[in-house]
Amino acid sequence: MTRGSVLLVDDEPKIRHALTRALLDEGHEAIGTGSPAEALQLLGQRPFDLLVVDNLMPGMSGLDMIR
């Protein structure tokens, strides 16, 4: 049974993969991306229960992405 859906956005692959793996191991549906633009596309396709967003990313800050 899935506990919740999480979209994780971080441009650091090691951090993104580690956090995504930890969430999956705990039974959450977790999707990780390093691209704020891809995250916005995913958000346009479906809702997520939780967003975990790095603020300092190239191209678009996490705050700008959330707005």
N, C-alpha and C. Protein backbone atom coordinates (compact mmCIF):
# COMPACT_ATOMS: atom_id res chain seq x y z
N MET A 1 0.84 -1.19 0.00
CA MET A 1 0.00 0.00 0.00
C MET A 1 0.89 1.25 0.00
N THR A 2 0.59 2.18 -0.87
CA THR A 2 1.35 3.42 -0.96
C THR A 2 0.92 4.39 0.13
N ARG A 3 1.88 4.98 0.78
CA ARG A 3 1.58 5.93 1.85
C ARG A 3 1.27 7.32 1.33
N GLY A 4 1.87 7.72 0.25
CA GLY A 4 1.67 9.06 -0.32
C GLY A 4 2.59 9.25 -1.50
N SER A 5 2.29 10.26 -2.29
CA SER A 5 3.11 10.53 -3.47
C SER A 5 3.98 11.76 -3.22
N VAL A 6 5.25 11.64 -3.60
CA VAL A 6 6.22 12.70 -3.36
C VAL A 6 6.93 13.01 -4.67
N LEU A 7 7.01 14.30 -4.99
CA LEU A 7 7.82 14.76 -6.11
C LEU A 7 9.05 15.43 -5.52
N LEU A 8 10.21 14.89 -5.84
CA LEU A 8 11.48 15.38 -5.31
C LEU A 8 12.23 16.06 -6.45
N VAL A 9 12.59 17.33 -6.26
CA VAL A 9 13.28 18.09 -7.30
C VAL A 9 14.60 18.58 -6.72
N ASP A 10 15.70 18.05 -7.26
CA ASP A 10 17.04 18.43 -6.79
C ASP A 10 18.02 18.20 -7.93
N ASP A 11 18.87 19.19 -8.20
CA ASP A 11 19.82 19.08 -9.29
C ASP A 11 21.05 18.24 -8.92
N GLU A 12 21.20 17.85 -7.67
CA GLU A 12 22.31 17.01 -7.23
C GLU A 12 21.89 15.54 -7.32
N PRO A 13 22.40 14.79 -8.31
CA PRO A 13 21.94 13.41 -8.52
C PRO A 13 22.09 12.51 -7.29
N LYS A 14 23.19 12.62 -6.56
CA LYS A 14 23.38 11.73 -5.40
C LYS A 14 22.32 11.98 -4.34
N ILE A 15 22.04 13.24 -4.07
CA ILE A 15 21.02 13.58 -3.07
C ILE A 15 19.65 13.13 -3.56
N ARG A 16 19.33 13.44 -4.82
CA ARG A 16 18.03 13.08 -5.39
C ARG A 16 17.80 11.58 -5.33
N HIS A 17 18.79 10.80 -5.76
CA HIS A 17 18.63 9.34 -5.78
C HIS A 17 18.53 8.76 -4.37
N ALA A 18 19.33 9.28 -3.45
CA ALA A 18 19.29 8.77 -2.07
C ALA A 18 17.94 9.05 -1.42
N LEU A 19 17.44 10.26 -1.58
CA LEU A 19 16.15 10.61 -0.98
C LEU A 19 15.00 9.85 -1.65
N THR A 20 15.06 9.71 -2.96
CA THR A 20 14.02 8.96 -3.67
C THR A 20 14.02 7.52 -3.21
N ARG A 21 15.17 6.91 -3.11
CA ARG A 21 15.28 5.51 -2.65
C ARG A 21 14.74 5.36 -1.23
N ALA A 22 15.08 6.29 -0.34
CA ALA A 22 14.61 6.22 1.04
C ALA A 22 13.08 6.32 1.10
N LEU A 23 12.51 7.20 0.30
CA LEU A 23 11.05 7.34 0.27
C LEU A 23 10.39 6.08 -0.27
N LEU A 24 10.95 5.52 -1.35
CA LEU A 24 10.42 4.28 -1.91
C LEU A 24 10.50 3.13 -0.89
N ASP A 25 11.62 3.05 -0.18
CA ASP A 25 11.80 2.00 0.82
C ASP A 25 10.78 2.10 1.95
N GLU A 26 10.29 3.32 2.21
CA GLU A 26 9.29 3.52 3.26
C GLU A 26 7.86 3.37 2.75
N GLY A 27 7.71 3.00 1.47
CA GLY A 27 6.39 2.73 0.93
C GLY A 27 5.71 3.89 0.23
N HIS A 28 6.45 4.97 0.04
CA HIS A 28 5.88 6.12 -0.66
C HIS A 28 6.07 5.96 -2.16
N GLU A 29 5.19 6.57 -2.92
CA GLU A 29 5.42 6.70 -4.36
C GLU A 29 6.31 7.92 -4.51
N ALA A 30 7.49 7.77 -5.06
CA ALA A 30 8.45 8.87 -5.15
C ALA A 30 8.95 9.00 -6.58
N ILE A 31 8.88 10.22 -7.08
CA ILE A 31 9.41 10.53 -8.40
C ILE A 31 10.44 11.63 -8.21
N GLY A 32 11.65 11.40 -8.72
CA GLY A 32 12.71 12.38 -8.61
C GLY A 32 13.08 12.93 -9.97
N THR A 33 13.38 14.22 -10.00
CA THR A 33 13.85 14.87 -11.21
C THR A 33 14.87 15.94 -10.84
N GLY A 34 15.79 16.19 -11.74
CA GLY A 34 16.78 17.24 -11.53
C GLY A 34 16.41 18.52 -12.24
N SER A 35 15.27 18.52 -12.90
CA SER A 35 14.87 19.65 -13.74
C SER A 35 13.58 20.30 -13.21
N PRO A 36 13.66 21.59 -12.83
CA PRO A 36 12.43 22.28 -12.43
C PRO A 36 11.38 22.30 -13.55
N ALA A 37 11.82 22.42 -14.80
CA ALA A 37 10.88 22.43 -15.93
C ALA A 37 10.15 21.09 -16.03
N GLU A 38 10.88 19.99 -15.85
CA GLU A 38 10.24 18.67 -15.88
C GLU A 38 9.29 18.52 -14.69
N ALA A 39 9.66 19.04 -13.54
CA ALA A 39 8.79 18.98 -12.37
C ALA A 39 7.48 19.70 -12.64
N LEU A 40 7.54 20.86 -13.31
CA LEU A 40 6.32 21.59 -13.64
C LEU A 40 5.44 20.78 -14.59
N GLN A 41 6.06 20.07 -15.53
CA GLN A 41 5.29 19.21 -16.43
C GLN A 41 4.59 18.09 -15.65
N LEU A 42 5.33 17.48 -14.74
CA LEU A 42 4.75 16.40 -13.92
C LEU A 42 3.59 16.93 -13.07
N LEU A 43 3.76 18.13 -12.51
CA LEU A 43 2.69 18.73 -11.70
C LEU A 43 1.46 19.04 -12.54
N GLY A 44 1.66 19.33 -13.82
CA GLY A 44 0.55 19.58 -14.71
C GLY A 44 -0.21 18.31 -15.09
N GLN A 45 0.43 17.17 -14.92
CA GLN A 45 -0.16 15.90 -15.29
C GLN A 45 -0.93 15.24 -14.16
N ARG A 46 -0.54 15.53 -12.92
CA ARG A 46 -1.17 14.85 -11.78
C ARG A 46 -0.81 15.56 -10.48
N PRO A 47 -1.59 15.33 -9.43
CA PRO A 47 -1.27 15.92 -8.13
C PRO A 47 -0.27 15.06 -7.35
N PHE A 48 0.44 15.68 -6.45
CA PHE A 48 1.34 15.00 -5.52
C PHE A 48 0.95 15.42 -4.11
N ASP A 49 1.16 14.53 -3.16
CA ASP A 49 0.86 14.85 -1.77
C ASP A 49 1.90 15.79 -1.16
N LEU A 50 3.14 15.68 -1.65
CA LEU A 50 4.23 16.45 -1.07
C LEU A 50 5.25 16.79 -2.14
N LEU A 51 5.76 18.03 -2.10
CA LEU A 51 6.87 18.45 -2.95
C LEU A 51 8.08 18.67 -2.05
N VAL A 52 9.22 18.12 -2.46
CA VAL A 52 10.49 18.39 -1.79
C VAL A 52 11.37 19.02 -2.85
N VAL A 53 11.65 20.32 -2.68
CA VAL A 53 12.29 21.08 -3.75
C VAL A 53 13.54 21.79 -3.23
N ASP A 54 14.65 21.55 -3.91
CA ASP A 54 15.90 22.28 -3.64
C ASP A 54 15.68 23.72 -4.09
N ASN A 55 16.12 24.67 -3.31
CA ASN A 55 15.92 26.07 -3.67
C ASN A 55 16.96 26.56 -4.66
N LEU A 56 18.22 26.12 -4.55
CA LEU A 56 19.28 26.62 -5.40
C LEU A 56 19.57 25.64 -6.54
N MET A 57 18.96 25.89 -7.69
CA MET A 57 19.15 25.06 -8.87
C MET A 57 19.43 25.98 -10.06
N PRO A 58 20.19 25.49 -11.02
CA PRO A 58 20.44 26.31 -12.20
C PRO A 58 19.17 26.47 -13.04
N GLY A 59 18.99 27.66 -13.57
CA GLY A 59 17.86 27.90 -14.47
C GLY A 59 16.62 28.42 -13.78
N MET A 60 16.27 27.85 -12.63
CA MET A 60 15.07 28.25 -11.92
C MET A 60 15.22 27.87 -10.44
N SER A 61 14.96 28.81 -9.57
CA SER A 61 15.06 28.49 -8.15
C SER A 61 13.84 27.66 -7.73
N GLY A 62 13.98 26.99 -6.60
CA GLY A 62 12.86 26.23 -6.08
C GLY A 62 11.66 27.11 -5.76
N LEU A 63 11.91 28.29 -5.24
CA LEU A 63 10.81 29.22 -4.94
C LEU A 63 10.09 29.64 -6.20
N ASP A 64 10.84 29.93 -7.26
CA ASP A 64 10.20 30.30 -8.53
C ASP A 64 9.38 29.14 -9.09
N MET A 65 9.89 27.92 -8.94
CA MET A 65 9.17 26.76 -9.44
C MET A 65 7.84 26.58 -8.70
N ILE A 66 7.86 26.76 -7.40
CA ILE A 66 6.65 26.58 -6.60
C ILE A 66 5.61 27.65 -6.93
N ARG A 67 6.07 28.86 -7.19
CA ARG A 67 5.13 29.95 -7.53
C ARG A 67 4.40 29.60 -8.79
